[in-house]
Amino acid sequence: MDTALEQLAAAGSVAGMVVIVVCGVLVTAALMGAVRLGIGVRRRESAPPRRSEQPRLPDSGPVREEQTMREPNEVPRAADGGERLTPHQLGNASTRPSGDQTRRRWHPGSSGSFGSGGSGAK
């Protein structure tokens, strides 16, 4: 039996272990450095506001939510025979208050999962 091959194999496994240990030490050092950096950043931040610096409720009481029904503005049309409008030319889609301020309600059979119109069982 050739002992030289056995010695090379044993030396190779030792080198592999050394590489793994060195990589583990480097990862540990990087994590410790990141924690120290985070602690330094946290120390430089301003302190959270004290109770006396917190916002106060207005004298008139809490502000209530306002609900309005809105409808989209019409999309402008390109001139006859002109080039079509691109999304960049259209800009943001704006809305306006709706003339009918009653809230839409759900009616049985009018909608369902994925627009199927209901469960299908009647």
Protein backbone atom coordinates (compact mmCIF):
# COMPACT_ATOMS: atom_id res chain seq x y z
CA MET A 1 0.00 0.00 0.00
CA ASP A 2 1.24 3.47 -0.88
CA THR A 3 1.48 5.64 2.22
CA ALA A 4 2.32 8.74 0.21
CA LEU A 5 -1.25 8.91 -1.18
CA GLU A 6 -2.69 8.46 2.29
CA GLN A 7 -0.56 11.28 3.62
CA LEU A 8 -1.65 13.58 0.76
CA ALA A 9 -5.31 12.74 1.41
CA ALA A 10 -4.88 13.45 5.11
CA ALA A 11 -3.08 16.71 4.40
CA GLY A 12 -5.85 17.73 1.99
CA SER A 13 -8.54 17.24 4.60
CA VAL A 14 -6.55 19.29 7.11
CA ALA A 15 -6.20 22.08 4.57
CA GLY A 16 -9.94 21.94 3.91
CA MET A 17 -10.65 22.21 7.63
CA VAL A 18 -8.28 25.18 7.91
CA VAL A 19 -10.08 26.93 5.05
CA ILE A 20 -13.47 26.34 6.69
CA VAL A 21 -12.23 27.65 10.06
CA VAL A 22 -10.67 30.74 8.46
CA CYS A 23 -13.90 31.48 6.55
CA GLY A 24 -15.90 31.07 9.77
CA VAL A 25 -13.62 33.50 11.58
CA LEU A 26 -13.94 36.03 8.73
CA VAL A 27 -17.75 35.79 8.71
CA THR A 28 -17.84 36.18 12.49
CA ALA A 29 -15.56 39.24 12.31
CA ALA A 30 -17.74 40.79 9.57
CA LEU A 31 -20.88 40.27 11.66
CA MET A 32 -19.25 41.78 14.72
CA GLY A 33 -18.15 44.78 12.65
CA ALA A 34 -21.70 45.22 11.32
CA VAL A 35 -23.11 45.18 14.84
CA ARG A 36 -20.58 47.78 16.01
CA LEU A 37 -21.39 49.96 13.00
CA GLY A 38 -25.12 49.68 13.76
CA ILE A 39 -24.56 50.64 17.38
CA GLY A 40 -22.58 53.71 16.25
CA VAL A 41 -25.32 54.77 13.83
CA ARG A 42 -27.95 54.31 16.53
CA ARG A 43 -25.99 56.51 18.95
CA ARG A 44 -25.78 59.34 16.40
CA GLU A 45 -29.57 59.34 15.80
CA SER A 46 -31.73 61.78 17.69
CA ALA A 47 -33.62 60.47 20.70
CA PRO A 48 -37.30 59.57 20.34
CA PRO A 49 -39.70 62.37 21.28
CA ARG A 50 -40.68 62.70 24.92
CA ARG A 51 -44.29 62.50 26.04
CA SER A 52 -44.53 66.30 26.23
CA GLU A 53 -43.37 66.57 22.60
CA GLN A 54 -46.07 64.25 21.23
CA PRO A 55 -48.90 65.72 19.11
CA ARG A 56 -52.02 66.75 21.02
CA LEU A 57 -55.70 66.28 20.21
CA PRO A 58 -57.31 69.47 18.84
CA ASP A 59 -59.65 71.39 21.17
CA SER A 60 -62.52 70.66 18.78
CA GLY A 61 -62.06 66.92 19.33
CA PRO A 62 -60.92 64.14 17.04
CA VAL A 63 -60.95 64.76 13.31
CA ARG A 64 -63.56 62.63 11.56
CA GLU A 65 -63.16 60.82 8.29
CA GLU A 66 -64.81 62.39 5.27
CA GLN A 67 -66.22 60.04 2.65
CA THR A 68 -67.09 61.15 -0.86
CA MET A 69 -67.91 59.12 -3.93
CA ARG A 70 -65.63 60.00 -6.83
CA GLU A 71 -65.70 59.28 -10.55
CA PRO A 72 -62.89 59.44 -13.11
CA ASN A 73 -62.41 62.38 -15.42
CA GLU A 74 -62.82 61.71 -19.11
CA VAL A 75 -59.75 60.64 -21.03
CA PRO A 76 -58.79 63.29 -23.57
CA ARG A 77 -59.07 62.17 -27.18
CA ALA A 78 -56.49 62.78 -29.87
CA ALA A 79 -57.44 65.11 -32.69
CA ASP A 80 -59.06 63.47 -35.75
CA GLY A 81 -56.35 61.94 -37.83
CA GLY A 82 -53.71 62.98 -35.28
CA GLU A 83 -51.28 60.77 -33.46
CA ARG A 84 -52.58 58.86 -30.49
CA LEU A 85 -51.79 60.12 -26.99
CA THR A 86 -49.12 58.32 -25.00
CA PRO A 87 -49.38 57.63 -21.26
CA HIS A 88 -46.78 60.33 -20.66
CA GLN A 89 -49.00 62.90 -22.38
CA LEU A 90 -52.08 61.77 -20.43
CA GLY A 91 -50.45 62.27 -17.03
CA ASN A 92 -52.06 61.05 -13.82
CA ALA A 93 -55.63 59.83 -13.90
CA SER A 94 -57.59 62.44 -11.97
CA THR A 95 -61.03 62.16 -10.41
CA ARG A 96 -63.84 64.51 -9.49
CA PRO A 97 -66.68 64.32 -6.96
CA SER A 98 -69.56 62.22 -8.26
CA GLY A 99 -73.00 63.75 -8.72
CA ASP A 100 -74.54 60.74 -6.96
CA GLN A 101 -73.11 60.54 -3.42
CA THR A 102 -75.00 57.38 -2.43
CA ARG A 103 -72.71 54.50 -1.66
CA ARG A 104 -72.93 51.46 -3.92
CA ARG A 105 -74.14 48.36 -2.15
CA TRP A 106 -73.71 44.71 -2.91
CA HIS A 107 -76.70 42.92 -4.35
CA PRO A 108 -77.04 39.13 -4.14
CA GLY A 109 -76.15 37.48 -7.44
CA SER A 110 -74.43 40.57 -8.82
CA SER A 111 -70.87 39.59 -8.00
CA GLY A 112 -68.82 36.72 -6.71
CA SER A 113 -65.46 35.12 -6.67
CA PHE A 114 -63.30 36.24 -9.60
CA GLY A 115 -66.23 37.98 -11.27
CA SER A 116 -68.19 34.78 -11.71
CA GLY A 117 -71.49 36.44 -10.84
CA GLY A 118 -72.07 34.38 -7.73
CA SER A 119 -71.63 30.88 -6.44
CA GLY A 120 -73.69 29.35 -9.23
CA ALA A 121 -75.96 27.53 -6.79
CA LYS A 122 -79.52 28.87 -6.79
